Amino acid sequence: MKTLWILTSATLLALGSIAAQAGNLDLNLNSDAVQFEANGSLTRNIELGGGLLSSDDNEDVTALHAQLLGTETTRDYDIGVGVRWSQYDTDYGDGGGLGLGGYGYVYVPSLPRLSLGGYGFYTPGVVSTQDLEDSLEYGLRARYQVVRNVDAYVGYRRVKAEFDNRSGDRTLDSGALAGLRLTF
């Protein structure tokens, strides 16, 4: 739990220092979970961010992450690739690790306000701590630009992890969701 608070504090400090620069705030939810994420540009095409997921989909789960991504956005696509530290506090086990992954969205030419895509991050056991053996988070989304700086979206998310003290992967959170993303 101490590691979880240290990670939260570091993420909030980092995000506070880049709040005046370009970035985004994202909030999504369903009947069992809520997720908040904030990202900001360190320099052109380099983004630092973090987020918090609280879910009671399968037991009680709190997951924090901090990420550093190389990004590129054009009229045709929006992509980011990089590293993410994920920290889990669950009824199944606790731990964290450094994962690789990213996101990618393509804009539909006939409906330029609509983009389709998803994201994924995998953390192998070789870079995990405490009880965490490995983890995988992925999601799919359909985003629609409601106004210039606001996207509304629907999607699906799944978070899986394996812990030392349990056999096999555990689904920590899964299901459909709806959200809003504010870009500034």
Protein backbone atom coordinates (compact mmCIF):
# COMPACT_ATOMS: atom_id res chain seq x y z
CA MET A 1 0.00 0.00 0.00
CA LYS A 2 2.93 2.35 0.74
CA THR A 3 4.18 1.86 -2.84
CA LEU A 4 0.71 2.73 -4.12
CA TRP A 5 0.72 6.07 -2.27
CA ILE A 6 4.27 6.88 -3.40
CA LEU A 7 3.30 6.21 -7.02
CA THR A 8 0.14 8.31 -6.67
CA SER A 9 2.06 11.23 -5.17
CA ALA A 10 4.78 11.11 -7.83
CA THR A 11 2.19 10.98 -10.62
CA LEU A 12 0.24 13.92 -9.22
CA LEU A 13 3.41 16.01 -8.82
CA ALA A 14 4.51 15.23 -12.38
CA LEU A 15 1.08 16.01 -13.77
CA GLY A 16 0.90 19.25 -11.80
CA SER A 17 4.15 20.43 -13.35
CA ILE A 18 2.85 19.91 -16.89
CA ALA A 19 -0.75 21.02 -16.38
CA ALA A 20 -0.22 24.31 -18.21
CA GLN A 21 0.98 22.52 -21.35
CA ALA A 22 -1.04 20.59 -23.92
CA GLY A 23 -2.70 17.48 -22.58
CA ASN A 24 -5.94 15.69 -21.85
CA LEU A 25 -8.19 14.55 -19.04
CA ASP A 26 -10.20 11.36 -19.41
CA LEU A 27 -12.99 9.91 -17.27
CA ASN A 28 -14.84 6.68 -18.00
CA LEU A 29 -17.18 4.47 -16.03
CA ASN A 30 -19.61 1.61 -15.95
CA SER A 31 -21.74 0.13 -13.18
CA ASP A 32 -18.72 -1.58 -11.53
CA ALA A 33 -15.75 0.70 -12.21
CA VAL A 34 -14.49 4.24 -12.65
CA GLN A 35 -11.22 5.28 -14.31
CA PHE A 36 -9.59 8.71 -14.43
CA GLU A 37 -6.52 9.56 -16.51
CA ALA A 38 -4.51 12.75 -17.05
CA ASN A 39 -1.75 13.25 -19.64
CA GLY A 40 0.39 16.19 -20.62
CA SER A 41 3.10 17.01 -23.14
CA LEU A 42 6.66 17.22 -21.84
CA THR A 43 7.88 18.30 -25.27
CA ARG A 44 6.60 17.90 -28.81
CA ASN A 45 5.50 14.26 -29.27
CA ILE A 46 6.50 13.13 -25.73
CA GLU A 47 3.66 12.65 -23.25
CA LEU A 48 3.71 11.91 -19.51
CA GLY A 49 0.58 10.76 -17.76
CA GLY A 50 -1.07 8.66 -15.14
CA GLY A 51 -4.35 7.22 -14.07
CA LEU A 52 -6.40 5.46 -11.44
CA LEU A 53 -8.87 2.59 -11.86
CA SER A 54 -11.21 1.59 -9.03
CA SER A 55 -13.31 -1.50 -9.71
CA ASP A 56 -15.45 -3.99 -7.84
CA ASP A 57 -16.17 -6.03 -10.98
CA ASN A 58 -14.29 -9.06 -9.59
CA GLU A 59 -13.56 -8.39 -5.92
CA ASP A 60 -11.98 -5.06 -4.91
CA VAL A 61 -9.31 -3.61 -7.23
CA THR A 62 -7.38 -0.36 -7.20
CA ALA A 63 -4.88 0.07 -10.04
CA LEU A 64 -2.63 3.07 -10.60
CA HIS A 65 -0.40 3.72 -13.58
CA ALA A 66 2.17 6.24 -14.74
CA GLN A 67 3.29 6.27 -18.38
CA LEU A 68 5.74 7.91 -20.74
CA LEU A 69 4.82 7.75 -24.44
CA GLY A 70 6.07 8.92 -27.79
CA THR A 71 3.02 10.25 -29.64
CA GLU A 72 1.94 11.45 -33.07
CA THR A 73 -1.38 12.91 -34.15
CA THR A 74 -2.41 13.72 -37.72
CA ARG A 75 -5.76 14.15 -39.48
CA ASP A 76 -5.65 10.42 -40.28
CA TYR A 77 -4.46 8.82 -37.02
CA ASP A 78 -3.53 9.27 -33.36
CA ILE A 79 -0.86 6.90 -31.93
CA GLY A 80 1.36 6.55 -28.87
CA VAL A 81 3.94 3.94 -27.89
CA GLY A 82 5.96 3.66 -24.69
CA VAL A 83 6.29 2.37 -21.14
CA ARG A 84 3.81 2.18 -18.27
CA TRP A 85 4.33 1.38 -14.60
CA SER A 86 1.19 -0.31 -13.23
CA GLN A 87 0.60 -0.83 -9.51
CA TYR A 88 -2.17 -3.12 -8.24
CA ASP A 89 -3.83 -3.34 -4.84
CA THR A 90 -6.31 -6.22 -5.06
CA ASP A 91 -7.95 -8.95 -3.02
CA TYR A 92 -5.91 -11.43 -5.11
CA GLY A 93 -2.50 -9.84 -4.46
CA ASP A 94 -0.50 -6.65 -4.64
CA GLY A 95 2.39 -5.54 -6.82
CA GLY A 96 3.53 -3.56 -9.76
CA GLY A 97 5.63 -3.70 -12.87
CA LEU A 98 6.94 -1.95 -15.94
CA GLY A 99 5.04 -2.73 -19.13
CA LEU A 100 5.28 -1.90 -22.79
CA GLY A 101 2.44 -0.93 -25.09
CA GLY A 102 0.54 1.95 -26.54
CA TYR A 103 -2.58 3.14 -28.29
CA GLY A 104 -3.75 3.74 -31.83
CA TYR A 105 -6.82 5.34 -33.40
CA VAL A 106 -7.74 5.97 -37.02
CA TYR A 107 -10.15 8.67 -38.13
CA VAL A 108 -12.96 7.52 -40.42
CA PRO A 109 -12.58 9.54 -43.69
CA SER A 110 -16.30 9.84 -44.38
CA LEU A 111 -16.97 10.83 -40.71
CA PRO A 112 -13.89 12.86 -39.65
CA ARG A 113 -15.20 13.37 -36.10
CA LEU A 114 -15.26 9.59 -35.53
CA SER A 115 -12.15 7.60 -34.61
CA LEU A 116 -11.83 3.87 -33.91
CA GLY A 117 -9.02 2.13 -32.08
CA GLY A 118 -7.72 0.85 -28.82
CA TYR A 119 -4.82 0.39 -26.46
CA GLY A 120 -2.86 -2.33 -24.72
CA PHE A 121 -0.03 -2.70 -22.17
CA TYR A 122 1.72 -5.93 -21.15
CA THR A 123 3.91 -6.31 -18.05
CA PRO A 124 6.06 -9.48 -17.95
CA GLY A 125 7.21 -11.12 -14.72
CA VAL A 126 10.84 -10.17 -15.28
CA VAL A 127 10.03 -6.50 -14.44
CA SER A 128 7.37 -6.99 -11.75
CA THR A 129 7.49 -6.58 -7.96
CA GLN A 130 5.82 -8.06 -4.89
CA ASP A 131 3.13 -10.67 -5.71
CA LEU A 132 2.64 -9.63 -9.36
CA GLU A 133 3.77 -12.21 -11.92
CA ASP A 134 2.46 -10.45 -15.04
CA SER A 135 -0.41 -8.26 -16.19
CA LEU A 136 -2.25 -7.23 -19.33
CA GLU A 137 -4.63 -4.33 -19.88
CA TYR A 138 -6.33 -3.70 -23.20
CA GLY A 139 -9.34 -1.86 -24.53
CA LEU A 140 -11.24 -0.88 -27.65
CA ARG A 141 -13.01 2.45 -28.19
CA ALA A 142 -15.15 4.34 -30.66
CA ARG A 143 -14.62 8.09 -30.07
CA TYR A 144 -16.75 10.92 -31.41
CA GLN A 145 -15.66 14.57 -31.28
CA VAL A 146 -18.70 16.30 -29.77
CA VAL A 147 -17.12 19.76 -29.81
CA ARG A 148 -13.61 20.91 -30.69
CA ASN A 149 -11.93 19.79 -27.43
CA VAL A 150 -14.27 17.07 -26.17
CA ASP A 151 -14.56 13.45 -27.29
CA ALA A 152 -17.32 11.17 -26.07
CA TYR A 153 -16.68 7.45 -26.41
CA VAL A 154 -17.94 3.96 -25.78
CA GLY A 155 -15.68 1.00 -25.42
CA TYR A 156 -14.58 -2.16 -23.69
CA ARG A 157 -11.74 -2.69 -21.16
CA ARG A 158 -10.16 -5.81 -19.69
CA VAL A 159 -7.48 -5.92 -16.98
CA LYS A 160 -5.89 -9.29 -16.17
CA ALA A 161 -3.07 -10.16 -13.77
CA GLU A 162 -1.38 -13.19 -12.29
CA PHE A 163 -0.15 -13.13 -8.70
CA ASP A 164 2.34 -15.43 -6.91
CA ASN A 165 -0.10 -16.61 -4.29
CA ARG A 166 -2.85 -17.61 -6.77
CA SER A 167 -2.91 -20.02 -9.68
CA GLY A 168 -3.62 -18.63 -13.12
CA ASP A 169 -4.60 -15.24 -14.48
CA ARG A 170 -7.34 -13.31 -12.71
CA THR A 171 -9.61 -10.88 -14.51
CA LEU A 172 -9.51 -7.79 -12.30
CA ASP A 173 -11.88 -5.67 -14.40
CA SER A 174 -13.78 -6.15 -17.64
CA GLY A 175 -16.78 -4.75 -19.40
CA ALA A 176 -18.32 -2.07 -21.54
CA LEU A 177 -17.79 1.57 -20.58
CA ALA A 178 -18.66 5.13 -21.55
CA GLY A 179 -16.45 8.16 -21.16
CA LEU A 180 -15.44 11.71 -21.96
CA ARG A 181 -12.02 13.04 -22.94
CA LEU A 182 -11.17 16.74 -22.67
CA THR A 183 -8.18 17.94 -24.71
CA PHE A 184 -6.46 21.24 -23.88
